[in-house]
Protein backbone atom coordinates (compact mmCIF):
# COMPACT_ATOMS: atom_id res chain seq x y z
CA MET A 1 0.00 0.00 0.00
CA VAL A 2 1.36 3.43 -0.96
CA ALA A 3 1.32 6.06 1.77
CA ILE A 4 -0.77 9.14 1.05
CA GLN A 5 1.61 12.04 0.45
CA LYS A 6 -0.76 14.99 0.69
CA PRO A 7 -3.82 15.89 2.75
CA VAL A 8 -7.08 15.07 0.99
CA TYR A 9 -8.21 18.69 0.96
CA SER A 10 -4.96 19.83 -0.68
CA LEU A 11 -5.49 17.23 -3.42
CA LEU A 12 -9.04 18.47 -4.02
CA LEU A 13 -7.92 22.09 -4.18
CA GLU A 14 -5.10 21.29 -6.59
CA LYS A 15 -7.45 19.42 -8.91
CA LYS A 16 -9.97 22.26 -8.80
CA GLN A 17 -7.27 24.81 -9.66
CA LYS A 18 -6.30 22.67 -12.65
CA GLY A 19 -9.95 22.34 -13.71
CA GLU A 20 -9.88 18.59 -13.10
CA LYS A 21 -12.76 16.58 -11.65
CA SER A 22 -12.79 13.83 -9.03
CA PHE A 23 -14.85 10.67 -8.67
CA ALA A 24 -15.74 9.35 -5.21
CA VAL A 25 -17.33 5.97 -4.58
CA LEU A 26 -19.61 5.87 -1.55
CA ILE A 27 -19.47 2.67 0.50
CA ASP A 28 -22.02 1.95 3.24
CA PRO A 29 -20.40 -0.35 5.83
CA ASP A 30 -23.84 -1.69 6.77
CA LYS A 31 -24.49 -2.90 3.22
CA ILE A 32 -21.18 -4.13 1.82
CA THR A 33 -19.70 -7.56 2.55
CA SER A 34 -16.02 -8.53 2.66
CA GLU A 35 -16.57 -10.25 -0.69
CA GLY A 36 -18.07 -7.04 -2.04
CA ILE A 37 -15.03 -5.05 -0.92
CA SER A 38 -12.70 -7.60 -2.53
CA GLU A 39 -14.55 -7.15 -5.82
CA LEU A 40 -15.15 -3.40 -5.73
CA VAL A 41 -11.84 -1.99 -4.50
CA PRO A 42 -9.48 -3.48 -7.13
CA LEU A 43 -11.92 -2.41 -9.85
CA ALA A 44 -12.01 1.10 -8.40
CA GLU A 45 -8.21 1.20 -8.34
CA ALA A 46 -8.00 0.04 -11.95
CA SER A 47 -10.67 2.55 -13.03
CA GLY A 48 -8.89 5.54 -11.50
CA VAL A 49 -11.37 6.30 -8.72
CA ASP A 50 -10.05 9.27 -6.72
CA LEU A 51 -11.68 8.79 -3.31
CA PHE A 52 -13.66 6.36 -1.21
CA PHE A 53 -16.35 7.93 0.96
CA VAL A 54 -17.33 5.56 3.76
CA GLY A 55 -20.43 6.00 5.88
CA GLY A 56 -24.19 6.07 5.92
CA SER A 57 -27.12 7.76 7.59
CA LEU A 58 -27.31 5.10 10.29
CA VAL A 59 -24.28 2.75 10.44
CA ILE A 60 -26.03 0.28 12.72
CA SER A 61 -23.31 -2.37 12.52
CA ASP A 62 -19.85 -2.30 14.11
CA GLN A 63 -18.18 -2.78 10.75
CA LEU A 64 -16.81 0.72 10.17
CA ASP A 65 -13.21 -0.01 11.25
CA VAL A 66 -13.27 -3.45 9.62
CA CYS A 67 -14.58 -2.02 6.36
CA ILE A 68 -11.93 0.73 6.16
CA LYS A 69 -9.09 -1.64 7.04
CA ALA A 70 -10.24 -4.00 4.28
CA ILE A 71 -10.32 -1.16 1.74
CA LYS A 72 -6.88 0.12 2.70
CA ALA A 73 -5.37 -3.36 2.53
CA LEU A 74 -6.31 -3.47 -1.16
CA SER A 75 -5.82 0.12 -2.30
CA SER A 76 -3.91 3.38 -1.90
CA ILE A 77 -7.02 5.47 -2.69
CA PRO A 78 -7.75 7.91 0.16
CA VAL A 79 -10.61 6.90 2.47
CA VAL A 80 -12.80 9.77 3.69
CA LEU A 81 -15.44 9.38 6.37
CA PHE A 82 -18.88 10.60 5.28
CA PRO A 83 -20.71 10.20 8.59
CA GLY A 84 -24.42 10.20 9.32
CA SER A 85 -23.49 11.79 12.64
CA PRO A 86 -20.23 13.23 13.98
CA SER A 87 -19.92 10.24 16.31
CA GLN A 88 -19.24 7.89 13.38
CA ILE A 89 -15.47 8.11 13.60
CA SER A 90 -12.70 5.69 12.67
CA ARG A 91 -9.01 6.38 13.14
CA GLU A 92 -8.38 4.02 10.22
CA ALA A 93 -9.60 6.64 7.72
CA ASP A 94 -7.53 9.42 6.17
CA ALA A 95 -9.97 12.30 6.55
CA LEU A 96 -13.38 13.22 7.93
CA LEU A 97 -16.03 15.34 6.26
CA TYR A 98 -17.16 17.28 9.34
CA LEU A 99 -20.69 17.87 8.12
CA SER A 100 -22.87 20.77 9.19
CA LEU A 101 -26.40 20.54 7.76
CA ILE A 102 -26.65 24.12 6.51
CA SER A 103 -29.76 23.46 4.38
CA GLY A 104 -31.89 22.58 7.42
CA ARG A 105 -32.88 24.27 10.63
CA ASN A 106 -32.17 21.40 13.00
CA PRO A 107 -29.68 22.88 15.50
CA GLU A 108 -28.44 19.43 16.49
CA LEU A 109 -27.08 18.77 12.99
CA LEU A 110 -25.94 22.34 12.48
CA ILE A 111 -23.73 22.45 15.60
CA GLY A 112 -25.23 20.49 18.53
CA GLN A 113 -23.81 17.03 17.80
CA HIS A 114 -20.48 18.59 16.88
CA VAL A 115 -20.12 20.13 20.34
CA ILE A 116 -20.52 16.69 21.91
CA SER A 117 -18.21 14.91 19.45
CA ALA A 118 -15.50 17.62 19.24
CA PRO A 119 -13.08 16.15 21.84
CA PHE A 120 -13.20 12.70 20.21
CA VAL A 121 -12.83 14.13 16.71
CA LYS A 122 -9.86 16.25 17.83
CA LYS A 123 -8.12 13.20 19.34
CA SER A 124 -8.77 11.02 16.30
CA GLY A 125 -5.79 12.39 14.38
CA LEU A 126 -7.93 12.54 11.24
CA GLU A 127 -7.73 15.34 8.71
CA ILE A 128 -10.86 17.34 9.51
CA ILE A 129 -12.60 19.02 6.56
CA PRO A 130 -15.44 21.40 7.53
CA THR A 131 -18.23 20.69 5.05
CA GLY A 132 -21.46 22.57 4.43
CA TYR A 133 -23.97 19.79 3.76
CA MET A 134 -27.05 20.62 1.70
CA VAL A 135 -29.89 18.16 1.19
CA ILE A 136 -31.79 18.74 -2.05
CA ASP A 137 -35.23 17.22 -2.70
CA GLY A 138 -34.74 14.11 -4.84
CA GLY A 139 -38.42 13.24 -5.24
CA ALA A 140 -38.46 10.55 -2.56
CA ALA A 141 -38.29 10.36 1.21
CA THR A 142 -34.67 9.41 1.91
CA THR A 143 -32.99 8.19 5.07
CA VAL A 144 -30.99 11.40 5.38
CA SER A 145 -34.09 13.63 5.28
CA TYR A 146 -35.85 11.42 7.83
CA ILE A 147 -32.90 11.19 10.22
CA SER A 148 -32.12 14.90 9.91
CA ASN A 149 -35.75 15.91 10.56
CA ALA A 150 -35.15 18.72 8.10
CA THR A 151 -36.97 19.77 4.95
CA PRO A 152 -34.78 19.46 1.84
CA ILE A 153 -34.26 22.44 -0.45
CA PRO A 154 -36.83 22.16 -3.30
CA SER A 155 -35.23 20.87 -6.49
CA ASP A 156 -36.42 23.91 -8.49
CA LYS A 157 -35.13 26.53 -6.06
CA ALA A 158 -31.61 27.09 -7.39
CA ASP A 159 -31.50 30.56 -5.84
CA ILE A 160 -32.07 29.18 -2.33
CA ALA A 161 -29.33 26.58 -2.90
CA MET A 162 -26.99 29.29 -4.17
CA CYS A 163 -27.55 31.57 -1.16
CA THR A 164 -27.18 28.63 1.25
CA ALA A 165 -23.88 27.60 -0.34
CA MET A 166 -22.60 31.17 -0.32
CA ALA A 167 -23.45 31.51 3.37
CA GLY A 168 -21.72 28.23 4.13
CA GLU A 169 -18.56 29.33 2.35
CA MET A 170 -18.53 32.71 4.09
CA LEU A 171 -18.96 30.96 7.45
CA GLY A 172 -15.75 29.08 6.73
CA MET A 173 -16.86 25.76 5.23
CA LYS A 174 -14.06 24.32 3.07
CA LEU A 175 -16.38 22.17 0.96
CA ILE A 176 -20.00 22.40 -0.12
CA TYR A 177 -21.76 19.04 -0.53
CA MET A 178 -25.10 18.98 -2.35
CA ASP A 179 -26.90 15.67 -1.93
CA SER A 180 -30.32 14.45 -3.05
CA GLY A 181 -29.85 11.39 -0.85
CA SER A 182 -29.44 7.66 -1.24
CA GLY A 183 -32.30 6.23 -3.28
CA ALA A 184 -33.29 9.59 -4.78
CA LYS A 185 -35.67 9.34 -7.73
CA LYS A 186 -34.05 12.30 -9.44
CA ALA A 187 -30.58 13.75 -9.32
CA ILE A 188 -29.79 17.41 -8.72
CA SER A 189 -30.35 19.48 -11.86
CA GLU A 190 -27.49 20.89 -13.87
CA GLU A 191 -29.12 24.32 -13.54
CA MET A 192 -28.88 24.21 -9.73
CA ILE A 193 -25.29 22.93 -9.85
CA ARG A 194 -24.32 25.66 -12.32
CA THR A 195 -25.99 28.38 -10.23
CA VAL A 196 -24.24 27.28 -7.03
CA ALA A 197 -20.84 26.62 -8.63
CA SER A 198 -20.78 30.09 -10.21
CA GLN A 199 -20.95 31.78 -6.82
CA ILE A 200 -18.54 29.82 -4.63
CA GLU A 201 -14.78 29.29 -4.71
CA VAL A 202 -14.51 26.14 -2.57
CA PRO A 203 -14.83 22.68 -4.17
CA LEU A 204 -18.39 21.52 -4.81
CA ILE A 205 -19.36 17.89 -4.18
CA VAL A 206 -22.54 16.51 -5.79
CA GLY A 207 -24.19 13.18 -5.02
CA GLY A 208 -27.49 11.33 -5.00
CA GLY A 209 -29.47 9.83 -7.86
CA ILE A 210 -26.54 9.68 -10.32
CA ARG A 211 -27.15 6.43 -12.17
CA ASP A 212 -25.06 6.66 -15.32
CA ALA A 213 -21.93 8.14 -16.86
CA GLU A 214 -23.84 10.75 -18.85
CA LYS A 215 -25.36 12.36 -15.74
CA ALA A 216 -21.96 12.33 -14.02
CA TYR A 217 -20.45 14.04 -17.08
CA LEU A 218 -23.20 16.69 -17.25
CA ASN A 219 -22.88 17.44 -13.53
CA CYS A 220 -19.14 17.98 -13.95
CA LYS A 221 -19.70 20.24 -16.95
CA ALA A 222 -22.20 22.23 -14.85
CA GLY A 223 -19.58 22.86 -12.17
CA ALA A 224 -19.39 19.92 -9.79
CA ASP A 225 -15.79 19.25 -8.68
CA VAL A 226 -16.45 15.86 -7.09
CA ILE A 227 -19.10 13.34 -8.17
CA VAL A 228 -20.27 10.80 -5.60
CA VAL A 229 -21.95 7.54 -6.62
CA GLY A 230 -23.02 4.75 -4.30
CA ASN A 231 -26.30 2.98 -4.98
CA ALA A 232 -25.84 2.66 -8.73
CA ILE A 233 -22.46 0.96 -8.29
CA GLU A 234 -23.84 -1.37 -5.61
CA LYS A 235 -26.28 -2.58 -8.27
CA GLN A 236 -23.88 -2.57 -11.23
CA VAL A 237 -20.14 -2.60 -10.49
CA SER A 238 -19.31 -2.31 -14.19
CA LEU A 239 -20.43 1.34 -14.06
CA LEU A 240 -17.20 2.18 -12.22
CA SER A 241 -14.97 2.51 -15.25
CA GLU A 242 -17.67 4.27 -17.32
CA ILE A 243 -18.35 6.93 -14.71
CA ALA A 244 -14.65 7.39 -13.92
CA ALA A 245 -13.90 7.96 -17.60
CA ALA A 246 -16.79 10.43 -17.92
CA VAL A 247 -15.74 12.42 -14.84
CA HIS A 248 -12.07 12.52 -15.80
CA GLY A 249 -12.98 13.47 -19.35
CA VAL A 250 -14.17 16.88 -18.17
CA LYS A 251 -11.67 19.66 -17.72
CA THR A 252 -12.75 23.21 -17.10
CA VAL A 253 -10.67 26.30 -17.64
CA THR A 254 -10.45 28.41 -14.52
CA GLU A 255 -9.58 32.08 -14.42
CA GLY A 256 -5.89 32.71 -14.02
CA HIS A 257 -4.94 29.18 -15.10
C-alpha cells in the first residue's frame, strides 16, 4: 500500500485549480460484505477512482473499522469518512467530512452534535474538513431527510441553494456538498449545480441519484468538482470505469490558469 503524500483537501484544491474533476465511490459499511469489498476496491483502483467515501445515515453495525481496514489493505485510494453523525469516527480513515447541515434548521445537525463529538474528533488524528452539507429534494423520502428531521431544499429553487452555499462558504466551510440522498428518484439538476458553482470558490461535491456516466459528465460540466456515486455501483459494479472515464474526461478552464 502506498502512503498518502498529501492531505485530501490539498489534493481536491489542486485538482480544482487545474480544472480537473474527481470521482468518489460511496461505501455503506452496513451494506457491503467482505466479498463485495474484494470485488469493488481493485476495480475502483483500476478505473482511476479518486476517493472512497465511507459511511451512511445510520451505520447500525460495528463494521466501520473493519470495512476501512479491508479497503486500505487493497488500495492506496484515500478513504474519507462521510458520517451520518459526527460520532461515526474511525481512526483508520484518512480524513473526515465534518458535516454541518446548513440546508436545514435542525440545530443538532448544524452544531449540537459537533459540540458533543468535538473532543473525540480532535483526538482522532484525522484530517478534519469542515463541510457545508445541503440536502436537495430528490423526489423521494430518503434516510438522510428522515434522520435529519429537516426539509430538503426544493429541487427547483436554485436561488435558495446558491444563497445557502454562499453563506456556508462565508462561514468558513471548506467544501460544499449537495446531496439528493441515497435512493433519490431524481438527481440534482445541472441548472442548480451551475448556479451554485458560479458563486462559490470552494470545491463543490454533488451526489445522490446519479445512475449513469452521462449524468456524471453533465454534472461535472455544470460545475461539480467531485461526483459521488453509491447505490448505482452497488447494483452494477461495471459502471465504475464508465463513470470514472466520464468524470475525468471533463476539464474546465479556470480564471488565471
